Amino acid sequence: MECDGQESADSNGALSMPVIPMNTAAEAIINMINQGQIQVTINGFTVSNGLATTQ
């Protein structure tokens, strides 16, 4: 796509985003949020969603 003799729109620069691999802790937290769980234990540590408390 040319614009009045200027460089093409495709060669103006590309946005480069790094790919960050998901680890098991991140997957566990995302699953906790998606399933509406109150808390999850990861490697012996309890992570709470902050919205509810356990009795």
PDB file of N, CA and C in Angstrom:
ATOM      1  N   MET A   1       0.850  -1.179   0.000  1.00  0.00           N
ATOM      2  CA  MET A   1       0.000   0.000   0.000  1.00  0.00           C
ATOM      3  C   MET A   1       0.890   1.234   0.000  1.00  0.00           C
ATOM      4  N   GLU A   2       0.838   2.010  -1.046  1.00  0.00           N
ATOM      5  CA  GLU A   2       1.661   3.205  -1.180  1.00  0.00           C
ATOM      6  C   GLU A   2       0.866   4.443  -0.779  1.00  0.00           C
ATOM      7  N   CYS A   3       1.558   5.418  -0.181  1.00  0.00           N
ATOM      8  CA  CYS A   3       0.928   6.657   0.266  1.00  0.00           C
ATOM      9  C   CYS A   3       1.721   7.835  -0.277  1.00  0.00           C
ATOM     10  N   ASP A   4       1.380   8.340  -1.451  1.00  0.00           N
ATOM     11  CA  ASP A   4       1.998   9.525  -2.061  1.00  0.00           C
ATOM     12  C   ASP A   4       3.522   9.447  -2.101  1.00  0.00           C
ATOM     13  N   GLY A   5       4.067   8.350  -2.566  1.00  0.00           N
ATOM     14  CA  GLY A   5       5.502   8.231  -2.726  1.00  0.00           C
ATOM     15  C   GLY A   5       6.260   7.920  -1.455  1.00  0.00           C
ATOM     16  N   GLN A   6       5.583   7.779  -0.336  1.00  0.00           N
ATOM     17  CA  GLN A   6       6.259   7.435   0.910  1.00  0.00           C
ATOM     18  C   GLN A   6       6.448   5.927   0.980  1.00  0.00           C
ATOM     19  N   GLU A   7       7.115   5.483   2.023  1.00  0.00           N
ATOM     20  CA  GLU A   7       7.314   4.049   2.198  1.00  0.00           C
ATOM     21  C   GLU A   7       5.970   3.350   2.371  1.00  0.00           C
ATOM     22  N   SER A   8       5.962   2.077   2.075  1.00  0.00           N
ATOM     23  CA  SER A   8       4.724   1.329   2.236  1.00  0.00           C
ATOM     24  C   SER A   8       4.377   1.229   3.722  1.00  0.00           C
ATOM     25  N   ALA A   9       3.098   1.051   4.002  1.00  0.00           N
ATOM     26  CA  ALA A   9       2.626   0.995   5.386  1.00  0.00           C
ATOM     27  C   ALA A   9       3.188  -0.213   6.128  1.00  0.00           C
ATOM     28  N   ASP A  10       3.508  -1.275   5.384  1.00  0.00           N
ATOM     29  CA  ASP A  10       4.008  -2.485   6.035  1.00  0.00           C
ATOM     30  C   ASP A  10       5.439  -2.347   6.520  1.00  0.00           C
ATOM     31  N   SER A  11       6.216  -1.416   5.965  1.00  0.00           N
ATOM     32  CA  SER A  11       7.625  -1.318   6.334  1.00  0.00           C
ATOM     33  C   SER A  11       7.899  -0.216   7.352  1.00  0.00           C
ATOM     34  N   ASN A  12       6.865   0.363   7.946  1.00  0.00           N
ATOM     35  CA  ASN A  12       7.056   1.431   8.931  1.00  0.00           C
ATOM     36  C   ASN A  12       7.577   0.907  10.265  1.00  0.00           C
ATOM     37  N   GLY A  13       7.515  -0.363  10.477  1.00  0.00           N
ATOM     38  CA  GLY A  13       7.974  -0.950  11.739  1.00  0.00           C
ATOM     39  C   GLY A  13       6.934  -1.896  12.269  1.00  0.00           C
ATOM     40  N   ALA A  14       7.378  -2.969  12.832  1.00  0.00           N
ATOM     41  CA  ALA A  14       6.458  -3.962  13.369  1.00  0.00           C
ATOM     42  C   ALA A  14       6.550  -3.972  14.885  1.00  0.00           C
ATOM     43  N   LEU A  15       5.433  -4.224  15.502  1.00  0.00           N
ATOM     44  CA  LEU A  15       5.384  -4.353  16.955  1.00  0.00           C
ATOM     45  C   LEU A  15       5.852  -5.751  17.325  1.00  0.00           C
ATOM     46  N   SER A  16       6.891  -5.828  18.109  1.00  0.00           N
ATOM     47  CA  SER A  16       7.449  -7.115  18.497  1.00  0.00           C
ATOM     48  C   SER A  16       7.095  -7.395  19.950  1.00  0.00           C
ATOM     49  N   MET A  17       6.340  -8.449  20.170  1.00  0.00           N
ATOM     50  CA  MET A  17       5.925  -8.820  21.520  1.00  0.00           C
ATOM     51  C   MET A  17       6.589 -10.139  21.900  1.00  0.00           C
ATOM     52  N   PRO A  18       7.259 -10.190  23.049  1.00  0.00           N
ATOM     53  CA  PRO A  18       7.884 -11.456  23.457  1.00  0.00           C
ATOM     54  C   PRO A  18       6.827 -12.478  23.880  1.00  0.00           C
ATOM     55  N   VAL A  19       7.111 -13.722  23.654  1.00  0.00           N
ATOM     56  CA  VAL A  19       6.223 -14.800  24.082  1.00  0.00           C
ATOM     57  C   VAL A  19       6.705 -15.282  25.441  1.00  0.00           C
ATOM     58  N   ILE A  20       5.840 -15.152  26.435  1.00  0.00           N
ATOM     59  CA  ILE A  20       6.191 -15.545  27.796  1.00  0.00           C
ATOM     60  C   ILE A  20       5.522 -16.884  28.082  1.00  0.00           C
ATOM     61  N   PRO A  21       6.307 -17.921  28.320  1.00  0.00           N
ATOM     62  CA  PRO A  21       5.696 -19.229  28.597  1.00  0.00           C
ATOM     63  C   PRO A  21       4.954 -19.220  29.932  1.00  0.00           C
ATOM     64  N   MET A  22       3.823 -19.914  29.977  1.00  0.00           N
ATOM     65  CA  MET A  22       3.037 -19.999  31.204  1.00  0.00           C
ATOM     66  C   MET A  22       3.655 -21.041  32.124  1.00  0.00           C
ATOM     67  N   ASN A  23       3.810 -20.690  33.384  1.00  0.00           N
ATOM     68  CA  ASN A  23       4.280 -21.678  34.345  1.00  0.00           C
ATOM     69  C   ASN A  23       3.088 -22.233  35.119  1.00  0.00           C
ATOM     70  N   THR A  24       3.329 -23.231  35.922  1.00  0.00           N
ATOM     71  CA  THR A  24       2.225 -23.901  36.607  1.00  0.00           C
ATOM     72  C   THR A  24       1.545 -22.995  37.626  1.00  0.00           C
ATOM     73  N   ALA A  25       2.291 -22.081  38.251  1.00  0.00           N
ATOM     74  CA  ALA A  25       1.683 -21.170  39.232  1.00  0.00           C
ATOM     75  C   ALA A  25       0.697 -20.237  38.542  1.00  0.00           C
ATOM     76  N   ALA A  26       1.087 -19.684  37.402  1.00  0.00           N
ATOM     77  CA  ALA A  26       0.194 -18.780  36.671  1.00  0.00           C
ATOM     78  C   ALA A  26      -1.043 -19.526  36.188  1.00  0.00           C
ATOM     79  N   GLU A  27      -0.860 -20.745  35.698  1.00  0.00           N
ATOM     80  CA  GLU A  27      -2.006 -21.535  35.241  1.00  0.00           C
ATOM     81  C   GLU A  27      -2.957 -21.841  36.391  1.00  0.00           C
ATOM     82  N   ALA A  28      -2.412 -22.147  37.575  1.00  0.00           N
ATOM     83  CA  ALA A  28      -3.252 -22.448  38.735  1.00  0.00           C
ATOM     84  C   ALA A  28      -4.062 -21.231  39.158  1.00  0.00           C
ATOM     85  N   ILE A  29      -3.446 -20.057  39.129  1.00  0.00           N
ATOM     86  CA  ILE A  29      -4.156 -18.830  39.517  1.00  0.00           C
ATOM     87  C   ILE A  29      -5.233 -18.488  38.499  1.00  0.00           C
ATOM     88  N   ILE A  30      -4.930 -18.633  37.219  1.00  0.00           N
ATOM     89  CA  ILE A  30      -5.929 -18.353  36.177  1.00  0.00           C
ATOM     90  C   ILE A  30      -7.101 -19.322  36.296  1.00  0.00           C
ATOM     91  N   ASN A  31      -6.809 -20.600  36.550  1.00  0.00           N
ATOM     92  CA  ASN A  31      -7.892 -21.574  36.743  1.00  0.00           C
ATOM     93  C   ASN A  31      -8.725 -21.235  37.968  1.00  0.00           C
ATOM     94  N   MET A  32      -8.095 -20.776  39.049  1.00  0.00           N
ATOM     95  CA  MET A  32      -8.817 -20.389  40.255  1.00  0.00           C
ATOM     96  C   MET A  32      -9.801 -19.265  39.938  1.00  0.00           C
ATOM     97  N   ILE A  33      -9.345 -18.278  39.193  1.00  0.00           N
ATOM     98  CA  ILE A  33     -10.201 -17.141  38.847  1.00  0.00           C
ATOM     99  C   ILE A  33     -11.336 -17.577  37.933  1.00  0.00           C
ATOM    100  N   ASN A  34     -11.012 -18.358  36.897  1.00  0.00           N
ATOM    101  CA  ASN A  34     -12.028 -18.773  35.928  1.00  0.00           C
ATOM    102  C   ASN A  34     -13.087 -19.679  36.532  1.00  0.00           C
ATOM    103  N   GLN A  35     -12.713 -20.502  37.518  1.00  0.00           N
ATOM    104  CA  GLN A  35     -13.653 -21.439  38.126  1.00  0.00           C
ATOM    105  C   GLN A  35     -14.327 -20.876  39.368  1.00  0.00           C
ATOM    106  N   GLY A  36     -13.993 -19.644  39.747  1.00  0.00           N
ATOM    107  CA  GLY A  36     -14.627 -19.016  40.892  1.00  0.00           C
ATOM    108  C   GLY A  36     -14.208 -19.590  42.229  1.00  0.00           C
ATOM    109  N   GLN A  37     -13.024 -20.171  42.302  1.00  0.00           N
ATOM    110  CA  GLN A  37     -12.549 -20.742  43.559  1.00  0.00           C
ATOM    111  C   GLN A  37     -12.075 -19.638  44.496  1.00  0.00           C
ATOM    112  N   ILE A  38     -12.156 -19.913  45.810  1.00  0.00           N
ATOM    113  CA  ILE A  38     -11.739 -18.937  46.816  1.00  0.00           C
ATOM    114  C   ILE A  38     -10.226 -18.912  46.967  1.00  0.00           C
ATOM    115  N   GLN A  39      -9.602 -20.097  46.961  1.00  0.00           N
ATOM    116  CA  GLN A  39      -8.157 -20.156  47.154  1.00  0.00           C
ATOM    117  C   GLN A  39      -7.583 -21.375  46.457  1.00  0.00           C
ATOM    118  N   VAL A  40      -6.273 -21.328  46.252  1.00  0.00           N
ATOM    119  CA  VAL A  40      -5.547 -22.439  45.649  1.00  0.00           C
ATOM    120  C   VAL A  40      -4.198 -22.544  46.356  1.00  0.00           C
ATOM    121  N   THR A  41      -3.688 -23.753  46.491  1.00  0.00           N
ATOM    122  CA  THR A  41      -2.386 -23.965  47.119  1.00  0.00           C
ATOM    123  C   THR A  41      -1.360 -24.288  46.043  1.00  0.00           C
ATOM    124  N   ILE A  42      -0.276 -23.517  46.015  1.00  0.00           N
ATOM    125  CA  ILE A  42       0.791 -23.686  45.033  1.00  0.00           C
ATOM    126  C   ILE A  42       2.095 -23.872  45.795  1.00  0.00           C
ATOM    127  N   ASN A  43       2.716 -25.023  45.632  1.00  0.00           N
ATOM    128  CA  ASN A  43       3.989 -25.337  46.298  1.00  0.00           C
ATOM    129  C   ASN A  43       3.942 -25.070  47.803  1.00  0.00           C
ATOM    130  N   GLY A  44       2.837 -25.406  48.442  1.00  0.00           N
ATOM    131  CA  GLY A  44       2.711 -25.239  49.880  1.00  0.00           C
ATOM    132  C   GLY A  44       2.241 -23.868  50.329  1.00  0.00           C
ATOM    133  N   PHE A  45       2.088 -22.925  49.413  1.00  0.00           N
ATOM    134  CA  PHE A  45       1.605 -21.587  49.752  1.00  0.00           C
ATOM    135  C   PHE A  45       0.162 -21.446  49.309  1.00  0.00           C
ATOM    136  N   THR A  46      -0.672 -20.887  50.180  1.00  0.00           N
ATOM    137  CA  THR A  46      -2.073 -20.675  49.853  1.00  0.00           C
ATOM    138  C   THR A  46      -2.247 -19.291  49.249  1.00  0.00           C
ATOM    139  N   VAL A  47      -2.863 -19.255  48.066  1.00  0.00           N
ATOM    140  CA  VAL A  47      -3.133 -17.996  47.375  1.00  0.00           C
ATOM    141  C   VAL A  47      -4.633 -17.798  47.378  1.00  0.00           C
ATOM    142  N   SER A  48      -5.091 -16.648  47.894  1.00  0.00           N
ATOM    143  CA  SER A  48      -6.511 -16.343  47.975  1.00  0.00           C
ATOM    144  C   SER A  48      -6.881 -15.337  46.897  1.00  0.00           C
ATOM    145  N   ASN A  49      -8.161 -15.370  46.476  1.00  0.00           N
ATOM    146  CA  ASN A  49      -8.590 -14.433  45.441  1.00  0.00           C
ATOM    147  C   ASN A  49      -8.856 -13.031  45.996  1.00  0.00           C
ATOM    148  N   GLY A  50      -8.889 -12.867  47.311  1.00  0.00           N
ATOM    149  CA  GLY A  50      -9.061 -11.545  47.906  1.00  0.00           C
ATOM    150  C   GLY A  50     -10.493 -11.065  47.981  1.00  0.00           C
ATOM    151  N   LEU A  51     -11.425 -11.827  47.431  1.00  0.00           N
ATOM    152  CA  LEU A  51     -12.821 -11.395  47.420  1.00  0.00           C
ATOM    153  C   LEU A  51     -13.674 -12.134  48.445  1.00  0.00           C
ATOM    154  N   ALA A  52     -13.192 -13.271  48.914  1.00  0.00           N
ATOM    155  CA  ALA A  52     -13.951 -14.068  49.876  1.00  0.00           C
ATOM    156  C   ALA A  52     -12.997 -14.606  50.932  1.00  0.00           C
ATOM    157  N   THR A  53     -13.558 -14.954  52.065  1.00  0.00           N
ATOM    158  CA  THR A  53     -12.731 -15.521  53.134  1.00  0.00           C
ATOM    159  C   THR A  53     -13.217 -16.924  53.448  1.00  0.00           C
ATOM    160  N   THR A  54     -12.304 -17.755  53.907  1.00  0.00           N
ATOM    161  CA  THR A  54     -12.676 -19.111  54.316  1.00  0.00           C
ATOM    162  C   THR A  54     -12.981 -19.115  55.805  1.00  0.00           C
ATOM    163  N   GLN A  55     -13.804 -20.041  56.231  1.00  0.00           N
ATOM    164  CA  GLN A  55     -14.193 -20.136  57.649  1.00  0.00           C
ATOM    165  C   GLN A  55     -13.270 -21.061  58.390  1.00  0.00           C
TER     166      GLN A  55
END
